[in-house]
């Protein structure tokens, strides 16, 4: 079994849907911040659902 160094747990989950939305927005020259969108629309720190996107 491989031990991880102290202080390193699991990395936070990436919201891939939100990341794709931000990439599309930036491609179309629309200012978008994943942190701001998650703060405004995500419930309890969870990933955005399909209808939310």
PDB file of N, CA and C in Angstrom:
ATOM      1  N   UNK A   1       0.845  -1.178   0.000  1.00  0.00           N
ATOM      2  CA  UNK A   1       0.000   0.000   0.000  1.00  0.00           C
ATOM      3  C   UNK A   1       0.890   1.240   0.000  1.00  0.00           C
ATOM      4  N   UNK A   2       0.565   2.186  -0.830  1.00  0.00           N
ATOM      5  CA  UNK A   2       1.346   3.418  -0.925  1.00  0.00           C
ATOM      6  C   UNK A   2       0.741   4.454   0.010  1.00  0.00           C
ATOM      7  N   UNK A   3       1.589   5.005   0.849  1.00  0.00           N
ATOM      8  CA  UNK A   3       1.115   6.036   1.770  1.00  0.00           C
ATOM      9  C   UNK A   3       1.303   7.406   1.155  1.00  0.00           C
ATOM     10  N   UNK A   4       0.330   8.281   1.402  1.00  0.00           N
ATOM     11  CA  UNK A   4       0.443   9.656   0.932  1.00  0.00           C
ATOM     12  C   UNK A   4       1.071  10.502   2.023  1.00  0.00           C
ATOM     13  N   UNK A   5       1.845  11.506   1.639  1.00  0.00           N
ATOM     14  CA  UNK A   5       2.415  12.399   2.653  1.00  0.00           C
ATOM     15  C   UNK A   5       1.320  13.081   3.450  1.00  0.00           C
ATOM     16  N   UNK A   6       1.648  13.428   4.686  1.00  0.00           N
ATOM     17  CA  UNK A   6       0.672  14.099   5.532  1.00  0.00           C
ATOM     18  C   UNK A   6       0.231  15.403   4.900  1.00  0.00           C
ATOM     19  N   UNK A   7      -1.023  15.759   5.154  1.00  0.00           N
ATOM     20  CA  UNK A   7      -1.546  17.014   4.648  1.00  0.00           C
ATOM     21  C   UNK A   7      -2.138  16.892   3.258  1.00  0.00           C
ATOM     22  N   UNK A   8      -1.970  15.740   2.628  1.00  0.00           N
ATOM     23  CA  UNK A   8      -2.544  15.560   1.304  1.00  0.00           C
ATOM     24  C   UNK A   8      -3.633  14.513   1.385  1.00  0.00           C
ATOM     25  N   UNK A   9      -4.855  14.958   1.233  1.00  0.00           N
ATOM     26  CA  UNK A   9      -5.976  14.042   1.181  1.00  0.00           C
ATOM     27  C   UNK A   9      -6.433  13.952  -0.252  1.00  0.00           C
ATOM     28  N   UNK A  10      -7.685  13.687  -0.409  1.00  0.00           N
ATOM     29  CA  UNK A  10      -8.230  13.657  -1.755  1.00  0.00           C
ATOM     30  C   UNK A  10      -8.310  15.070  -2.304  1.00  0.00           C
ATOM     31  N   UNK A  11      -8.057  15.201  -3.576  1.00  0.00           N
ATOM     32  CA  UNK A  11      -8.176  16.521  -4.190  1.00  0.00           C
ATOM     33  C   UNK A  11      -9.657  16.836  -4.364  1.00  0.00           C
ATOM     34  N   UNK A  12     -10.017  18.114  -4.334  1.00  0.00           N
ATOM     35  CA  UNK A  12     -11.423  18.464  -4.483  1.00  0.00           C
ATOM     36  C   UNK A  12     -11.932  18.059  -5.863  1.00  0.00           C
ATOM     37  N   UNK A  13     -13.177  17.637  -5.909  1.00  0.00           N
ATOM     38  CA  UNK A  13     -13.778  17.205  -7.168  1.00  0.00           C
ATOM     39  C   UNK A  13     -13.939  18.391  -8.104  1.00  0.00           C
ATOM     40  N   UNK A  14     -13.667  18.157  -9.367  1.00  0.00           N
ATOM     41  CA  UNK A  14     -13.791  19.197 -10.378  1.00  0.00           C
ATOM     42  C   UNK A  14     -15.173  19.091 -11.010  1.00  0.00           C
ATOM     43  N   UNK A  15     -15.874  20.205 -11.101  1.00  0.00           N
ATOM     44  CA  UNK A  15     -17.174  20.245 -11.767  1.00  0.00           C
ATOM     45  C   UNK A  15     -16.911  20.404 -13.258  1.00  0.00           C
ATOM     46  N   UNK A  16     -16.883  19.282 -13.973  1.00  0.00           N
ATOM     47  CA  UNK A  16     -16.528  19.322 -15.386  1.00  0.00           C
ATOM     48  C   UNK A  16     -17.561  20.054 -16.226  1.00  0.00           C
ATOM     49  N   UNK A  17     -18.824  19.975 -15.853  1.00  0.00           N
ATOM     50  CA  UNK A  17     -19.855  20.711 -16.579  1.00  0.00           C
ATOM     51  C   UNK A  17     -19.642  22.206 -16.474  1.00  0.00           C
ATOM     52  N   UNK A  18     -19.324  22.672 -15.288  1.00  0.00           N
ATOM     53  CA  UNK A  18     -19.057  24.092 -15.071  1.00  0.00           C
ATOM     54  C   UNK A  18     -17.800  24.517 -15.825  1.00  0.00           C
ATOM     55  N   UNK A  19     -16.785  23.673 -15.807  1.00  0.00           N
ATOM     56  CA  UNK A  19     -15.548  23.988 -16.525  1.00  0.00           C
ATOM     57  C   UNK A  19     -15.813  24.127 -18.023  1.00  0.00           C
ATOM     58  N   UNK A  20     -16.625  23.242 -18.579  1.00  0.00           N
ATOM     59  CA  UNK A  20     -16.963  23.319 -20.006  1.00  0.00           C
ATOM     60  C   UNK A  20     -17.786  24.563 -20.308  1.00  0.00           C
ATOM     61  N   UNK A  21     -18.721  24.895 -19.436  1.00  0.00           N
ATOM     62  CA  UNK A  21     -19.531  26.098 -19.628  1.00  0.00           C
ATOM     63  C   UNK A  21     -18.648  27.342 -19.655  1.00  0.00           C
ATOM     64  N   UNK A  22     -17.700  27.415 -18.745  1.00  0.00           N
ATOM     65  CA  UNK A  22     -16.794  28.568 -18.687  1.00  0.00           C
ATOM     66  C   UNK A  22     -15.916  28.615 -19.934  1.00  0.00           C
ATOM     67  N   UNK A  23     -15.433  27.455 -20.394  1.00  0.00           N
ATOM     68  CA  UNK A  23     -14.622  27.444 -21.618  1.00  0.00           C
ATOM     69  C   UNK A  23     -15.420  27.935 -22.818  1.00  0.00           C
ATOM     70  N   UNK A  24     -16.675  27.498 -22.936  1.00  0.00           N
ATOM     71  CA  UNK A  24     -17.521  27.961 -24.040  1.00  0.00           C
ATOM     72  C   UNK A  24     -17.791  29.454 -23.941  1.00  0.00           C
ATOM     73  N   UNK A  25     -18.055  29.930 -22.746  1.00  0.00           N
ATOM     74  CA  UNK A  25     -18.308  31.359 -22.561  1.00  0.00           C
ATOM     75  C   UNK A  25     -17.078  32.167 -22.958  1.00  0.00           C
ATOM     76  N   UNK A  26     -15.917  31.733 -22.524  1.00  0.00           N
ATOM     77  CA  UNK A  26     -14.687  32.460 -22.856  1.00  0.00           C
ATOM     78  C   UNK A  26     -14.379  32.395 -24.348  1.00  0.00           C
ATOM     79  N   UNK A  27     -14.698  31.282 -24.989  1.00  0.00           N
ATOM     80  CA  UNK A  27     -14.502  31.157 -26.436  1.00  0.00           C
ATOM     81  C   UNK A  27     -15.323  32.207 -27.178  1.00  0.00           C
ATOM     82  N   UNK A  28     -16.512  32.492 -26.650  1.00  0.00           N
ATOM     83  CA  UNK A  28     -17.402  33.482 -27.261  1.00  0.00           C
ATOM     84  C   UNK A  28     -17.202  34.875 -26.664  1.00  0.00           C
ATOM     85  N   UNK A  29     -16.073  35.081 -26.005  1.00  0.00           N
ATOM     86  CA  UNK A  29     -15.710  36.380 -25.415  1.00  0.00           C
ATOM     87  C   UNK A  29     -16.725  36.886 -24.390  1.00  0.00           C
ATOM     88  N   UNK A  30     -17.252  35.956 -23.613  1.00  0.00           N
ATOM     89  CA  UNK A  30     -18.147  36.296 -22.511  1.00  0.00           C
ATOM     90  C   UNK A  30     -17.366  36.070 -21.221  1.00  0.00           C
ATOM     91  N   UNK A  31     -17.274  37.100 -20.406  1.00  0.00           N
ATOM     92  CA  UNK A  31     -16.552  36.976 -19.141  1.00  0.00           C
ATOM     93  C   UNK A  31     -17.282  35.985 -18.237  1.00  0.00           C
ATOM     94  N   UNK A  32     -16.561  34.995 -17.748  1.00  0.00           N
ATOM     95  CA  UNK A  32     -17.161  33.991 -16.872  1.00  0.00           C
ATOM     96  C   UNK A  32     -16.120  33.515 -15.873  1.00  0.00           C
ATOM     97  N   UNK A  33     -16.523  33.431 -14.622  1.00  0.00           N
ATOM     98  CA  UNK A  33     -15.653  32.949 -13.558  1.00  0.00           C
ATOM     99  C   UNK A  33     -16.291  31.701 -12.946  1.00  0.00           C
ATOM    100  N   UNK A  34     -15.596  30.565 -12.957  1.00  0.00           N
ATOM    101  CA  UNK A  34     -16.188  29.362 -12.376  1.00  0.00           C
ATOM    102  C   UNK A  34     -16.485  29.521 -10.885  1.00  0.00           C
ATOM    103  N   UNK A  35     -15.639  30.269 -10.184  1.00  0.00           N
ATOM    104  CA  UNK A  35     -15.867  30.477  -8.758  1.00  0.00           C
ATOM    105  C   UNK A  35     -17.148  31.271  -8.521  1.00  0.00           C
ATOM    106  N   UNK A  36     -17.349  32.325  -9.300  1.00  0.00           N
ATOM    107  CA  UNK A  36     -18.539  33.157  -9.137  1.00  0.00           C
ATOM    108  C   UNK A  36     -19.799  32.387  -9.514  1.00  0.00           C
ATOM    109  N   UNK A  37     -19.760  31.650 -10.619  1.00  0.00           N
ATOM    110  CA  UNK A  37     -20.926  30.875 -11.044  1.00  0.00           C
ATOM    111  C   UNK A  37     -21.272  29.799 -10.016  1.00  0.00           C
ATOM    112  N   UNK A  38     -20.263  29.119  -9.486  1.00  0.00           N
ATOM    113  CA  UNK A  38     -20.513  28.094  -8.474  1.00  0.00           C
ATOM    114  C   UNK A  38     -21.077  28.717  -7.208  1.00  0.00           C
ATOM    115  N   UNK A  39     -20.550  29.867  -6.816  1.00  0.00           N
ATOM    116  CA  UNK A  39     -21.038  30.553  -5.620  1.00  0.00           C
ATOM    117  C   UNK A  39     -22.502  30.948  -5.782  1.00  0.00           C
ATOM    118  N   UNK A  40     -22.846  31.410  -6.973  1.00  0.00           N
ATOM    119  CA  UNK A  40     -24.192  31.918  -7.210  1.00  0.00           C
ATOM    120  C   UNK A  40     -25.222  30.816  -7.449  1.00  0.00           C
ATOM    121  N   UNK A  41     -24.829  29.723  -8.112  1.00  0.00           N
ATOM    122  CA  UNK A  41     -25.819  28.744  -8.556  1.00  0.00           C
ATOM    123  C   UNK A  41     -25.694  27.357  -7.945  1.00  0.00           C
ATOM    124  N   UNK A  42     -24.557  26.981  -7.383  1.00  0.00           N
ATOM    125  CA  UNK A  42     -24.389  25.633  -6.834  1.00  0.00           C
ATOM    126  C   UNK A  42     -25.006  25.553  -5.443  1.00  0.00           C
ATOM    127  N   UNK A  43     -25.619  24.420  -5.156  1.00  0.00           N
ATOM    128  CA  UNK A  43     -26.246  24.205  -3.855  1.00  0.00           C
ATOM    129  C   UNK A  43     -25.275  23.473  -2.930  1.00  0.00           C
ATOM    130  N   UNK A  44     -24.932  24.085  -1.823  1.00  0.00           N
ATOM    131  CA  UNK A  44     -24.102  23.467  -0.779  1.00  0.00           C
ATOM    132  C   UNK A  44     -22.766  22.944  -1.297  1.00  0.00           C
ATOM    133  N   UNK A  45     -22.153  23.643  -2.232  1.00  0.00           N
ATOM    134  CA  UNK A  45     -20.844  23.259  -2.722  1.00  0.00           C
ATOM    135  C   UNK A  45     -20.829  22.069  -3.658  1.00  0.00           C
ATOM    136  N   UNK A  46     -22.004  21.585  -4.048  1.00  0.00           N
ATOM    137  CA  UNK A  46     -22.064  20.453  -4.972  1.00  0.00           C
ATOM    138  C   UNK A  46     -21.931  20.939  -6.408  1.00  0.00           C
ATOM    139  N   UNK A  47     -21.675  20.016  -7.301  1.00  0.00           N
ATOM    140  CA  UNK A  47     -21.571  20.347  -8.722  1.00  0.00           C
ATOM    141  C   UNK A  47     -22.933  20.808  -9.238  1.00  0.00           C
ATOM    142  N   UNK A  48     -22.900  21.665 -10.249  1.00  0.00           N
ATOM    143  CA  UNK A  48     -24.142  22.126 -10.861  1.00  0.00           C
ATOM    144  C   UNK A  48     -24.820  20.962 -11.575  1.00  0.00           C
ATOM    145  N   UNK A  49     -26.135  20.912 -11.483  1.00  0.00           N
ATOM    146  CA  UNK A  49     -26.874  19.856 -12.168  1.00  0.00           C
ATOM    147  C   UNK A  49     -27.066  20.236 -13.636  1.00  0.00           C
ATOM    148  N   UNK A  50     -27.501  19.293 -14.439  1.00  0.00           N
ATOM    149  CA  UNK A  50     -27.710  19.549 -15.867  1.00  0.00           C
ATOM    150  C   UNK A  50     -28.694  20.686 -16.103  1.00  0.00           C
ATOM    151  N   UNK A  51     -29.846  20.728 -15.429  1.00  0.00           N
ATOM    152  CA  UNK A  51     -30.752  21.870 -15.648  1.00  0.00           C
ATOM    153  C   UNK A  51     -30.143  23.207 -15.208  1.00  0.00           C
ATOM    154  N   UNK A  52     -29.303  23.193 -14.175  1.00  0.00           N
ATOM    155  CA  UNK A  52     -28.658  24.428 -13.722  1.00  0.00           C
ATOM    156  C   UNK A  52     -27.690  24.967 -14.768  1.00  0.00           C
ATOM    157  N   UNK A  53     -27.020  24.051 -15.463  1.00  0.00           N
ATOM    158  CA  UNK A  53     -26.068  24.482 -16.483  1.00  0.00           C
ATOM    159  C   UNK A  53     -26.807  25.101 -17.639  1.00  0.00           C
TER     160      UNK A  53
END
